[in-house]
PDB file of all heavy atoms in Angstrom:
ATOM      1  N   SER A   1     109.411  87.630 102.779  1.00  0.00           N
ATOM      2  CA  SER A   1     110.611  88.057 103.500  1.00  0.00           C
ATOM      3  C   SER A   1     111.286  89.214 102.789  1.00  0.00           C
ATOM      4  O   SER A   1     111.721  90.184 103.414  1.00  0.00           O
ATOM      5  CB  SER A   1     111.570  86.875 103.621  1.00  0.00           C
ATOM      6  OG  SER A   1     112.768  87.274 104.243  1.00  0.00           O
ATOM      7  N   TRP A   2     111.346  89.144 101.463  1.00  0.00           N
ATOM      8  CA  TRP A   2     111.944  90.235 100.681  1.00  0.00           C
ATOM      9  C   TRP A   2     111.136  91.521 100.836  1.00  0.00           C
ATOM     10  O   TRP A   2     111.683  92.595 101.052  1.00  0.00           O
ATOM     11  CB  TRP A   2     112.015  89.837  99.213  1.00  0.00           C
ATOM     12  CG  TRP A   2     112.444  90.976  98.323  1.00  0.00           C
ATOM     13  CD1 TRP A   2     113.717  91.394  98.079  1.00  0.00           C
ATOM     14  CD2 TRP A   2     111.573  91.859  97.594  1.00  0.00           C
ATOM     15  NE1 TRP A   2     113.718  92.481  97.235  1.00  0.00           N
ATOM     16  CE2 TRP A   2     112.415  92.786  96.919  1.00  0.00           C
ATOM     17  CE3 TRP A   2     110.194  91.954  97.433  1.00  0.00           C
ATOM     18  CZ2 TRP A   2     111.894  93.793  96.120  1.00  0.00           C
ATOM     19  CZ3 TRP A   2     109.680  92.954  96.635  1.00  0.00           C
ATOM     20  CH2 TRP A   2     110.525  93.858  95.987  1.00  0.00           C
ATOM     21  N   PHE A   3     109.814  91.396 100.749  1.00  0.00           N
ATOM     22  CA  PHE A   3     108.956  92.564 100.830  1.00  0.00           C
ATOM     23  C   PHE A   3     109.055  93.223 102.198  1.00  0.00           C
ATOM     24  O   PHE A   3     109.176  94.445 102.317  1.00  0.00           O
ATOM     25  CB  PHE A   3     107.501  92.178 100.542  1.00  0.00           C
ATOM     26  CG  PHE A   3     106.555  93.350 100.599  1.00  0.00           C
ATOM     27  CD1 PHE A   3     106.380  94.187  99.505  1.00  0.00           C
ATOM     28  CD2 PHE A   3     105.842  93.624 101.760  1.00  0.00           C
ATOM     29  CE1 PHE A   3     105.520  95.264  99.554  1.00  0.00           C
ATOM     30  CE2 PHE A   3     104.989  94.703 101.818  1.00  0.00           C
ATOM     31  CZ  PHE A   3     104.825  95.520 100.719  1.00  0.00           C
ATOM     32  N   PHE A   4     109.011  92.402 103.261  1.00  0.00           N
ATOM     33  CA  PHE A   4     109.008  92.952 104.606  1.00  0.00           C
ATOM     34  C   PHE A   4     110.366  93.526 105.005  1.00  0.00           C
ATOM     35  O   PHE A   4     110.453  94.304 105.949  1.00  0.00           O
ATOM     36  CB  PHE A   4     108.598  91.876 105.616  1.00  0.00           C
ATOM     37  CG  PHE A   4     107.160  91.452 105.500  1.00  0.00           C
ATOM     38  CD1 PHE A   4     106.770  90.173 105.837  1.00  0.00           C
ATOM     39  CD2 PHE A   4     106.195  92.341 105.054  1.00  0.00           C
ATOM     40  CE1 PHE A   4     105.434  89.778 105.725  1.00  0.00           C
ATOM     41  CE2 PHE A   4     104.863  91.965 104.934  1.00  0.00           C
ATOM     42  CZ  PHE A   4     104.481  90.666 105.261  1.00  0.00           C
ATOM     43  N   SER A   5     111.425  93.144 104.311  1.00  0.00           N
ATOM     44  CA  SER A   5     112.757  93.608 104.684  1.00  0.00           C
ATOM     45  C   SER A   5     113.297  94.712 103.779  1.00  0.00           C
ATOM     46  O   SER A   5     114.373  95.248 104.051  1.00  0.00           O
ATOM     47  CB  SER A   5     113.741  92.435 104.687  1.00  0.00           C
ATOM     48  OG  SER A   5     113.847  91.878 103.377  1.00  0.00           O
ATOM     49  N   ARG A   6     112.577  95.069 102.725  1.00  0.00           N
ATOM     50  CA  ARG A   6     113.087  96.119 101.835  1.00  0.00           C
ATOM     51  C   ARG A   6     112.685  97.494 102.376  1.00  0.00           C
ATOM     52  O   ARG A   6     111.632  97.648 103.019  1.00  0.00           O
ATOM     53  CB  ARG A   6     112.557  95.938 100.407  1.00  0.00           C
ATOM     54  CG  ARG A   6     111.098  96.258 100.213  1.00  0.00           C
ATOM     55  CD  ARG A   6     110.623  95.877  98.823  1.00  0.00           C
ATOM     56  NE  ARG A   6     109.233  96.222  98.592  1.00  0.00           N
ATOM     57  CZ  ARG A   6     108.832  97.322  97.962  1.00  0.00           C
ATOM     58  NH1 ARG A   6     109.720  98.161  97.498  1.00  0.00           N
ATOM     59  NH2 ARG A   6     107.544  97.567  97.799  1.00  0.00           N
ATOM     60  N   PRO A   7     113.494  98.532 102.141  1.00  0.00           N
ATOM     61  CA  PRO A   7     113.185  99.871 102.647  1.00  0.00           C
ATOM     62  C   PRO A   7     111.875 100.405 102.057  1.00  0.00           C
ATOM     63  O   PRO A   7     111.568 100.180 100.884  1.00  0.00           O
ATOM     64  CB  PRO A   7     114.381 100.710 102.177  1.00  0.00           C
ATOM     65  CG  PRO A   7     115.471  99.716 101.974  1.00  0.00           C
ATOM     66  CD  PRO A   7     114.804  98.470 101.480  1.00  0.00           C
ATOM     67  N   LEU A   8     111.136 101.102 102.891  1.00  0.00           N
ATOM     68  CA  LEU A   8     109.874 101.691 102.443  1.00  0.00           C
ATOM     69  C   LEU A   8     110.144 102.927 101.582  1.00  0.00           C
ATOM     70  O   LEU A   8     111.091 103.678 101.847  1.00  0.00           O
ATOM     71  CB  LEU A   8     109.017 102.088 103.654  1.00  0.00           C
ATOM     72  CG  LEU A   8     108.544 100.940 104.540  1.00  0.00           C
ATOM     73  CD1 LEU A   8     107.950 101.484 105.838  1.00  0.00           C
ATOM     74  CD2 LEU A   8     107.506 100.093 103.806  1.00  0.00           C
ATOM     75  N   PRO A   9     109.315 103.177 100.567  1.00  0.00           N
ATOM     76  CA  PRO A   9     109.493 104.368  99.712  1.00  0.00           C
ATOM     77  C   PRO A   9     108.887 105.607 100.365  1.00  0.00           C
ATOM     78  O   PRO A   9     107.733 105.964 100.131  1.00  0.00           O
ATOM     79  CB  PRO A   9     108.734 103.976  98.434  1.00  0.00           C
ATOM     80  CG  PRO A   9     107.644 103.063  98.929  1.00  0.00           C
ATOM     81  CD  PRO A   9     108.215 102.310 100.111  1.00  0.00           C
ATOM     82  N   LEU A  10     109.653 106.284 101.207  1.00  0.00           N
ATOM     83  CA  LEU A  10     109.142 107.437 101.936  1.00  0.00           C
ATOM     84  C   LEU A  10     108.939 108.636 100.999  1.00  0.00           C
ATOM     85  O   LEU A  10     109.789 108.900 100.133  1.00  0.00           O
ATOM     86  CB  LEU A  10     110.109 107.828 103.051  1.00  0.00           C
ATOM     87  CG  LEU A  10     110.455 106.728 104.074  1.00  0.00           C
ATOM     88  CD1 LEU A  10     111.397 107.296 105.127  1.00  0.00           C
ATOM     89  CD2 LEU A  10     109.193 106.169 104.709  1.00  0.00           C
ATOM     90  N   PRO A  11     107.852 109.392 101.173  1.00  0.00           N
ATOM     91  CA  PRO A  11     107.644 110.592 100.342  1.00  0.00           C
ATOM     92  C   PRO A  11     108.623 111.710 100.678  1.00  0.00           C
ATOM     93  O   PRO A  11     108.838 112.619  99.892  1.00  0.00           O
ATOM     94  CB  PRO A  11     106.201 110.994 100.669  1.00  0.00           C
ATOM     95  CG  PRO A  11     105.936 110.407 102.019  1.00  0.00           C
ATOM     96  CD  PRO A  11     106.727 109.135 102.074  1.00  0.00           C
ATOM     97  N   ARG A  12     109.184 111.657 101.891  1.00  0.00           N
ATOM     98  CA  ARG A  12     110.196 112.620 102.324  1.00  0.00           C
ATOM     99  C   ARG A  12     110.954 111.968 103.482  1.00  0.00           C
ATOM    100  O   ARG A  12     110.479 111.019 104.090  1.00  0.00           O
ATOM    101  CB  ARG A  12     109.566 113.940 102.783  1.00  0.00           C
ATOM    102  CG  ARG A  12     108.552 113.770 103.914  1.00  0.00           C
ATOM    103  CD  ARG A  12     107.909 115.075 104.309  1.00  0.00           C
ATOM    104  NE  ARG A  12     106.921 114.856 105.369  1.00  0.00           N
ATOM    105  CZ  ARG A  12     105.655 114.551 105.162  1.00  0.00           C
ATOM    106  NH1 ARG A  12     105.208 114.444 103.920  1.00  0.00           N
ATOM    107  NH2 ARG A  12     104.824 114.364 106.172  1.00  0.00           N
ATOM    108  N   ALA A  13     112.131 112.482 103.780  1.00  0.00           N
ATOM    109  CA  ALA A  13     112.913 111.945 104.892  1.00  0.00           C
ATOM    110  C   ALA A  13     113.378 113.106 105.773  1.00  0.00           C
ATOM    111  O   ALA A  13     113.992 114.054 105.277  1.00  0.00           O
ATOM    112  CB  ALA A  13     114.097 111.159 104.362  1.00  0.00           C
ATOM    113  N   PRO A  14     113.111 113.073 107.085  1.00  0.00           N
ATOM    114  CA  PRO A  14     112.311 112.019 107.710  1.00  0.00           C
ATOM    115  C   PRO A  14     110.828 112.188 107.394  1.00  0.00           C
ATOM    116  O   PRO A  14     110.360 113.305 107.191  1.00  0.00           O
ATOM    117  CB  PRO A  14     112.570 112.229 109.199  1.00  0.00           C
ATOM    118  CG  PRO A  14     112.844 113.696 109.305  1.00  0.00           C
ATOM    119  CD  PRO A  14     113.600 114.068 108.064  1.00  0.00           C
ATOM    120  N   TYR A  15     110.118 111.067 107.337  1.00  0.00           N
ATOM    121  CA  TYR A  15     108.664 111.093 107.156  1.00  0.00           C
ATOM    122  C   TYR A  15     108.026 111.114 108.546  1.00  0.00           C
ATOM    123  O   TYR A  15     108.340 110.286 109.394  1.00  0.00           O
ATOM    124  CB  TYR A  15     108.203 109.862 106.388  1.00  0.00           C
ATOM    125  CG  TYR A  15     106.709 109.669 106.378  1.00  0.00           C
ATOM    126  CD1 TYR A  15     105.888 110.465 105.595  1.00  0.00           C
ATOM    127  CD2 TYR A  15     106.113 108.689 107.180  1.00  0.00           C
ATOM    128  CE1 TYR A  15     104.520 110.290 105.596  1.00  0.00           C
ATOM    129  CE2 TYR A  15     104.741 108.510 107.185  1.00  0.00           C
ATOM    130  CZ  TYR A  15     103.945 109.322 106.392  1.00  0.00           C
ATOM    131  OH  TYR A  15     102.588 109.155 106.406  1.00  0.00           O
ATOM    132  N   ASP A  16     107.184 112.119 108.798  1.00  0.00           N
ATOM    133  CA  ASP A  16     106.582 112.265 110.113  1.00  0.00           C
ATOM    134  C   ASP A  16     105.068 112.134 110.032  1.00  0.00           C
ATOM    135  O   ASP A  16     104.446 112.575 109.060  1.00  0.00           O
ATOM    136  CB  ASP A  16     106.948 113.618 110.727  1.00  0.00           C
ATOM    137  CG  ASP A  16     106.632 114.784 109.801  1.00  0.00           C
ATOM    138  OD1 ASP A  16     105.482 115.233 109.762  1.00  0.00           O
ATOM    139  OD2 ASP A  16     107.554 115.237 109.097  1.00  0.00           O
ATOM    140  N   PHE A  17     104.500 111.515 111.027  1.00  0.00           N
ATOM    141  CA  PHE A  17     103.054 111.391 111.101  1.00  0.00           C
ATOM    142  C   PHE A  17     102.664 111.155 112.553  1.00  0.00           C
ATOM    143  O   PHE A  17     103.493 110.784 113.384  1.00  0.00           O
ATOM    144  CB  PHE A  17     102.534 110.255 110.212  1.00  0.00           C
ATOM    145  CG  PHE A  17     102.969 108.872 110.647  1.00  0.00           C
ATOM    146  CD1 PHE A  17     102.110 108.032 111.319  1.00  0.00           C
ATOM    147  CD2 PHE A  17     104.243 108.412 110.370  1.00  0.00           C
ATOM    148  CE1 PHE A  17     102.509 106.765 111.715  1.00  0.00           C
ATOM    149  CE2 PHE A  17     104.662 107.152 110.769  1.00  0.00           C
ATOM    150  CZ  PHE A  17     103.794 106.321 111.445  1.00  0.00           C
ATOM    151  N   THR A  18     101.400 111.426 112.853  1.00  0.00           N
ATOM    152  CA  THR A  18     100.896 111.303 114.214  1.00  0.00           C
ATOM    153  C   THR A  18      99.777 110.291 114.264  1.00  0.00           C
ATOM    154  O   THR A  18      98.879 110.293 113.411  1.00  0.00           O
ATOM    155  CB  THR A  18     100.388 112.664 114.741  1.00  0.00           C
ATOM    156  OG1 THR A  18     101.472 113.600 114.743  1.00  0.00           O
ATOM    157  CG2 THR A  18      99.846 112.541 116.157  1.00  0.00           C
ATOM    158  N   VAL A  19      99.821 109.422 115.249  1.00  0.00           N
ATOM    159  CA  VAL A  19      98.750 108.457 115.509  1.00  0.00           C
ATOM    160  C   VAL A  19      97.977 108.956 116.721  1.00  0.00           C
ATOM    161  O   VAL A  19      98.525 109.031 117.827  1.00  0.00           O
ATOM    162  CB  VAL A  19      99.319 107.048 115.784  1.00  0.00           C
ATOM    163  CG1 VAL A  19      98.188 106.081 116.131  1.00  0.00           C
ATOM    164  CG2 VAL A  19     100.109 106.553 114.584  1.00  0.00           C
ATOM    165  N   SER A  20      96.754 109.362 116.521  1.00  0.00           N
ATOM    166  CA  SER A  20      95.947 109.890 117.620  1.00  0.00           C
ATOM    167  C   SER A  20      95.374 108.753 118.458  1.00  0.00           C
ATOM    168  O   SER A  20      95.293 107.602 118.006  1.00  0.00           O
ATOM    169  CB  SER A  20      94.813 110.766 117.082  1.00  0.00           C
ATOM    170  OG  SER A  20      94.013 110.043 116.172  1.00  0.00           O
ATOM    171  N   GLY A  21      94.982 109.080 119.684  1.00  0.00           N
ATOM    172  CA  GLY A  21      94.412 108.088 120.570  1.00  0.00           C
ATOM    173  C   GLY A  21      93.163 107.460 119.970  1.00  0.00           C
ATOM    174  O   GLY A  21      92.329 108.157 119.393  1.00  0.00           O
ATOM    175  N   GLY A  22      93.034 106.148 120.090  1.00  0.00           N
ATOM    176  CA  GLY A  22      91.872 105.458 119.542  1.00  0.00           C
ATOM    177  C   GLY A  22      92.020 105.028 118.102  1.00  0.00           C
ATOM    178  O   GLY A  22      91.122 104.392 117.549  1.00  0.00           O
ATOM    179  N   SER A  23      93.140 105.364 117.469  1.00  0.00           N
ATOM    180  CA  SER A  23      93.343 104.964 116.067  1.00  0.00           C
ATOM    181  C   SER A  23      93.520 103.451 115.971  1.00  0.00           C
ATOM    182  O   SER A  23      94.075 102.816 116.865  1.00  0.00           O
ATOM    183  CB  SER A  23      94.579 105.654 115.488  1.00  0.00           C
ATOM    184  OG  SER A  23      94.422 107.044 115.435  1.00  0.00           O
ATOM    185  N   THR A  24      93.054 102.886 114.863  1.00  0.00           N
ATOM    186  CA  THR A  24      93.238 101.461 114.604  1.00  0.00           C
ATOM    187  C   THR A  24      94.409 101.266 113.656  1.00  0.00           C
ATOM    188  O   THR A  24      94.784 102.177 112.902  1.00  0.00           O
ATOM    189  CB  THR A  24      91.982 100.846 113.982  1.00  0.00           C
ATOM    190  OG1 THR A  24      91.751 101.469 112.698  1.00  0.00           O
ATOM    191  CG2 THR A  24      90.767 101.061 114.881  1.00  0.00           C
ATOM    192  N   LEU A  25      94.964 100.076 113.677  1.00  0.00           N
ATOM    193  CA  LEU A  25      96.085  99.773 112.781  1.00  0.00           C
ATOM    194  C   LEU A  25      95.652  99.881 111.324  1.00  0.00           C
ATOM    195  O   LEU A  25      96.389 100.392 110.483  1.00  0.00           O
ATOM    196  CB  LEU A  25      96.633  98.378 113.068  1.00  0.00           C
ATOM    197  CG  LEU A  25      97.828  97.964 112.201  1.00  0.00           C
ATOM    198  CD1 LEU A  25      99.020  98.863 112.468  1.00  0.00           C
ATOM    199  CD2 LEU A  25      98.199  96.514 112.450  1.00  0.00           C
ATOM    200  N   SER A  26      94.453  99.417 111.019  1.00  0.00           N
ATOM    201  CA  SER A  26      93.979  99.491 109.635  1.00  0.00           C
ATOM    202  C   SER A  26      93.828 100.943 109.191  1.00  0.00           C
ATOM    203  O   SER A  26      94.114 101.287 108.038  1.00  0.00           O
ATOM    204  CB  SER A  26      92.653  98.747 109.486  1.00  0.00           C
ATOM    205  OG  SER A  26      91.672  99.287 110.346  1.00  0.00           O
ATOM    206  N   GLY A  27      93.379 101.806 110.111  1.00  0.00           N
ATOM    207  CA  GLY A  27      93.261 103.223 109.771  1.00  0.00           C
ATOM    208  C   GLY A  27      94.615 103.852 109.505  1.00  0.00           C
ATOM    209  O   GLY A  27      94.779 104.641 108.564  1.00  0.00           O
ATOM    210  N   VAL A  28      95.598 103.509 110.325  1.00  0.00           N
ATOM    211  CA  VAL A  28      96.952 104.023 110.108  1.00  0.00           C
ATOM    212  C   VAL A  28      97.515 103.482 108.792  1.00  0.00           C
ATOM    213  O   VAL A  28      98.146 104.211 108.033  1.00  0.00           O
ATOM    214  CB  VAL A  28      97.865 103.624 111.280  1.00  0.00           C
ATOM    215  CG1 VAL A  28      99.315 104.005 110.997  1.00  0.00           C
ATOM    216  CG2 VAL A  28      97.390 104.297 112.567  1.00  0.00           C
ATOM    217  N   ALA A  29      97.259 102.208 108.508  1.00  0.00           N
ATOM    218  CA  ALA A  29      97.747 101.612 107.261  1.00  0.00           C
ATOM    219  C   ALA A  29      97.149 102.306 106.046  1.00  0.00           C
ATOM    220  O   ALA A  29      97.834 102.530 105.045  1.00  0.00           O
ATOM    221  CB  ALA A  29      97.415 100.123 107.242  1.00  0.00           C
ATOM    222  N   ARG A  30      95.871 102.659 106.130  1.00  0.00           N
ATOM    223  CA  ARG A  30      95.237 103.373 105.005  1.00  0.00           C
ATOM    224  C   ARG A  30      95.871 104.741 104.800  1.00  0.00           C
ATOM    225  O   ARG A  30      96.092 105.177 103.664  1.00  0.00           O
ATOM    226  CB  ARG A  30      93.729 103.505 105.258  1.00  0.00           C
ATOM    227  CG  ARG A  30      92.952 102.202 105.074  1.00  0.00           C
ATOM    228  CD  ARG A  30      91.464 102.459 105.001  1.00  0.00           C
ATOM    229  NE  ARG A  30      90.953 103.016 106.250  1.00  0.00           N
ATOM    230  CZ  ARG A  30      90.514 102.289 107.276  1.00  0.00           C
ATOM    231  NH1 ARG A  30      90.552 100.975 107.213  1.00  0.00           N
ATOM    232  NH2 ARG A  30      90.041 102.876 108.374  1.00  0.00           N
ATOM    233  N   ARG A  31      96.171 105.424 105.900  1.00  0.00           N
ATOM    234  CA  ARG A  31      96.798 106.735 105.776  1.00  0.00           C
ATOM    235  C   ARG A  31      98.184 106.617 105.159  1.00  0.00           C
ATOM    236  O   ARG A  31      98.578 107.415 104.300  1.00  0.00           O
ATOM    237  CB  ARG A  31      96.898 107.398 107.146  1.00  0.00           C
ATOM    238  CG  ARG A  31      97.628 108.733 107.105  1.00  0.00           C
ATOM    239  CD  ARG A  31      97.762 109.353 108.458  1.00  0.00           C
ATOM    240  NE  ARG A  31      98.617 110.525 108.390  1.00  0.00           N
ATOM    241  CZ  ARG A  31      99.014 111.233 109.432  1.00  0.00           C
ATOM    242  NH1 ARG A  31      98.592 110.893 110.636  1.00  0.00           N
ATOM    243  NH2 ARG A  31      99.806 112.276 109.304  1.00  0.00           N
ATOM    244  N   LEU A  32      98.954 105.623 105.599  1.00  0.00           N
ATOM    245  CA  LEU A  32     100.296 105.426 105.045  1.00  0.00           C
ATOM    246  C   LEU A  32     100.233 105.065 103.568  1.00  0.00           C
ATOM    247  O   LEU A  32     101.120 105.432 102.788  1.00  0.00           O
ATOM    248  CB  LEU A  32     101.020 104.329 105.825  1.00  0.00           C
ATOM    249  CG  LEU A  32     101.339 104.647 107.295  1.00  0.00           C
ATOM    250  CD1 LEU A  32     101.940 103.432 107.987  1.00  0.00           C
ATOM    251  CD2 LEU A  32     102.274 105.841 107.396  1.00  0.00           C
TER     252      LEU A  32
END
């Protein structure tokens, strides 16, 4: 609960990224 509710350490704010069509959640997680 603590981990899921704490703010993420963004490399910049706002942090922007694009999820292309057909991407999987695991692939996005690896990129993040």
